[in-house]
Amino acid sequence: MPDEEDLEELRRKKMEQLKEQQGGGEADEEAMQAQREQAEAQKKAVLRQYLTDGARKRLNTVKMSKPERGEQIEQQLVALAQSGRVQNQIDEEQMKELLREMTPDKQSFNISRR
């Protein structure tokens, strides 16, 4: 049967293992956070490069009212820019058209009586 010293030694080793695992988890979390911040900075730089002031204001308005929709539109714009499909800056009118294209059509019902 294990005596008290053996049990204490096992507990100490287990505590050291847990501390090492937690330390490693924190480092991974910091790396993930740094990666997210870098991706966000890159996204902002691309949007700043390809959007005029008016288009940026319109996009910010969409983000204020519907954050998830705004994020989706930003991701789409970044993808378009990175694939080379955006040659010039996008102005406010082009942004309006892009928003219309990306917004799902609302279903309307027409009831006609005979």
Protein backbone atom coordinates (compact mmCIF):
# COMPACT_ATOMS: atom_id res chain seq x y z
CA MET A 1 0.00 0.00 0.00
CA PRO A 2 1.29 3.46 -0.80
CA ASP A 3 2.24 5.50 2.17
CA GLU A 4 1.66 9.22 2.73
CA GLU A 5 4.96 10.28 1.13
CA ASP A 6 4.16 8.43 -2.10
CA LEU A 7 0.69 9.97 -2.26
CA GLU A 8 2.10 13.42 -1.65
CA GLU A 9 4.70 12.89 -4.40
CA LEU A 10 1.98 11.80 -6.85
CA ARG A 11 -0.15 14.86 -5.99
CA ARG A 12 2.80 17.21 -6.49
CA LYS A 13 3.64 15.69 -9.89
CA LYS A 14 0.02 15.92 -10.99
CA MET A 15 -0.16 19.58 -9.93
CA GLU A 16 3.01 20.34 -11.93
CA GLN A 17 1.52 18.66 -15.01
CA LEU A 18 -1.67 20.67 -14.68
CA LYS A 19 0.28 23.93 -14.33
CA GLU A 20 2.31 23.12 -17.46
CA GLN A 21 -0.86 22.36 -19.42
CA GLN A 22 -2.47 25.61 -18.33
CA GLY A 23 0.63 27.58 -19.25
CA GLY A 24 0.62 26.00 -22.70
CA GLY A 25 -3.07 26.79 -23.12
CA GLU A 26 -2.46 30.44 -22.34
CA ALA A 27 0.29 30.64 -24.94
CA ASP A 28 -2.03 29.10 -27.56
CA GLU A 29 -4.77 31.55 -26.63
CA GLU A 30 -2.37 34.49 -26.95
CA ALA A 31 -1.24 33.25 -30.38
CA MET A 32 -4.86 32.90 -31.51
CA GLN A 33 -5.67 36.41 -30.24
CA ALA A 34 -2.64 37.86 -32.07
CA GLN A 35 -3.70 36.08 -35.25
CA ARG A 36 -7.24 37.46 -34.97
CA GLU A 37 -5.92 40.99 -34.42
CA GLN A 38 -3.64 40.67 -37.43
CA ALA A 39 -6.52 39.44 -39.62
CA GLU A 40 -8.70 42.33 -38.44
CA ALA A 41 -5.96 44.87 -39.20
CA GLN A 42 -5.46 43.37 -42.65
CA LYS A 43 -9.22 43.51 -43.33
CA LYS A 44 -9.36 47.18 -42.30
CA ALA A 45 -6.40 48.01 -44.54
CA VAL A 46 -8.02 46.35 -47.55
CA LEU A 47 -11.33 48.12 -46.91
CA ARG A 48 -9.55 51.47 -46.51
CA GLN A 49 -7.76 50.90 -49.80
CA TYR A 50 -10.79 49.88 -51.89
CA LEU A 51 -13.66 51.94 -50.41
CA THR A 52 -14.29 55.66 -50.76
CA ASP A 53 -15.37 57.66 -47.72
CA GLY A 54 -19.03 57.50 -48.74
CA ALA A 55 -18.92 53.75 -49.23
CA ARG A 56 -17.21 53.29 -45.86
CA LYS A 57 -19.87 55.39 -44.16
CA ARG A 58 -22.63 53.34 -45.78
CA LEU A 59 -20.95 50.10 -44.70
CA ASN A 60 -20.59 51.42 -41.14
CA THR A 61 -24.28 52.32 -41.13
CA VAL A 62 -25.15 48.76 -42.12
CA LYS A 63 -22.83 47.40 -39.42
CA MET A 64 -24.52 49.58 -36.79
CA SER A 65 -27.99 48.35 -37.67
CA LYS A 66 -27.13 44.73 -38.50
CA PRO A 67 -23.65 43.75 -37.25
CA GLU A 68 -23.70 40.21 -38.62
CA ARG A 69 -24.79 41.48 -42.04
CA GLY A 70 -22.05 44.11 -42.01
CA GLU A 71 -19.41 41.50 -41.19
CA GLN A 72 -20.66 39.30 -44.01
CA ILE A 73 -20.45 42.20 -46.47
CA GLU A 74 -16.95 43.10 -45.26
CA GLN A 75 -15.81 39.52 -45.77
CA GLN A 76 -17.28 39.53 -49.28
CA LEU A 77 -15.54 42.81 -50.13
CA VAL A 78 -12.19 41.53 -48.86
CA ALA A 79 -12.60 38.33 -50.87
CA LEU A 80 -13.40 40.35 -54.02
CA ALA A 81 -10.39 42.58 -53.47
CA GLN A 82 -8.00 39.71 -52.78
CA SER A 83 -9.17 37.79 -55.85
CA GLY A 84 -8.44 40.85 -58.01
CA ARG A 85 -12.04 41.45 -59.07
CA VAL A 86 -11.99 45.03 -57.77
CA GLN A 87 -9.95 47.32 -60.05
CA ASN A 88 -10.99 50.78 -58.80
CA GLN A 89 -12.27 52.11 -55.53
CA ILE A 90 -15.87 51.31 -54.74
CA ASP A 91 -17.94 54.47 -54.39
CA GLU A 92 -21.22 54.94 -52.56
CA GLU A 93 -23.41 54.14 -55.56
CA GLN A 94 -21.52 50.92 -56.24
CA MET A 95 -21.82 50.05 -52.54
CA LYS A 96 -25.60 50.57 -52.71
CA GLU A 97 -25.77 48.24 -55.71
CA LEU A 98 -23.59 45.66 -53.96
CA LEU A 99 -25.81 45.82 -50.87
CA ARG A 100 -28.90 45.33 -53.03
CA GLU A 101 -27.33 42.30 -54.67
CA MET A 102 -26.28 40.76 -51.37
CA THR A 103 -29.58 41.37 -49.59
CA PRO A 104 -31.97 38.46 -49.95
CA ASP A 105 -35.22 39.25 -51.70
CA LYS A 106 -38.17 39.64 -49.43
CA GLN A 107 -41.05 37.42 -50.31
CA SER A 108 -44.19 39.27 -51.12
CA PHE A 109 -47.61 37.76 -51.51
CA ASN A 110 -50.07 39.03 -54.04
CA ILE A 111 -53.61 37.97 -53.40
CA SER A 112 -55.96 38.35 -56.29
CA ARG A 113 -59.67 37.71 -56.05
CA ARG A 114 -61.74 36.38 -58.88
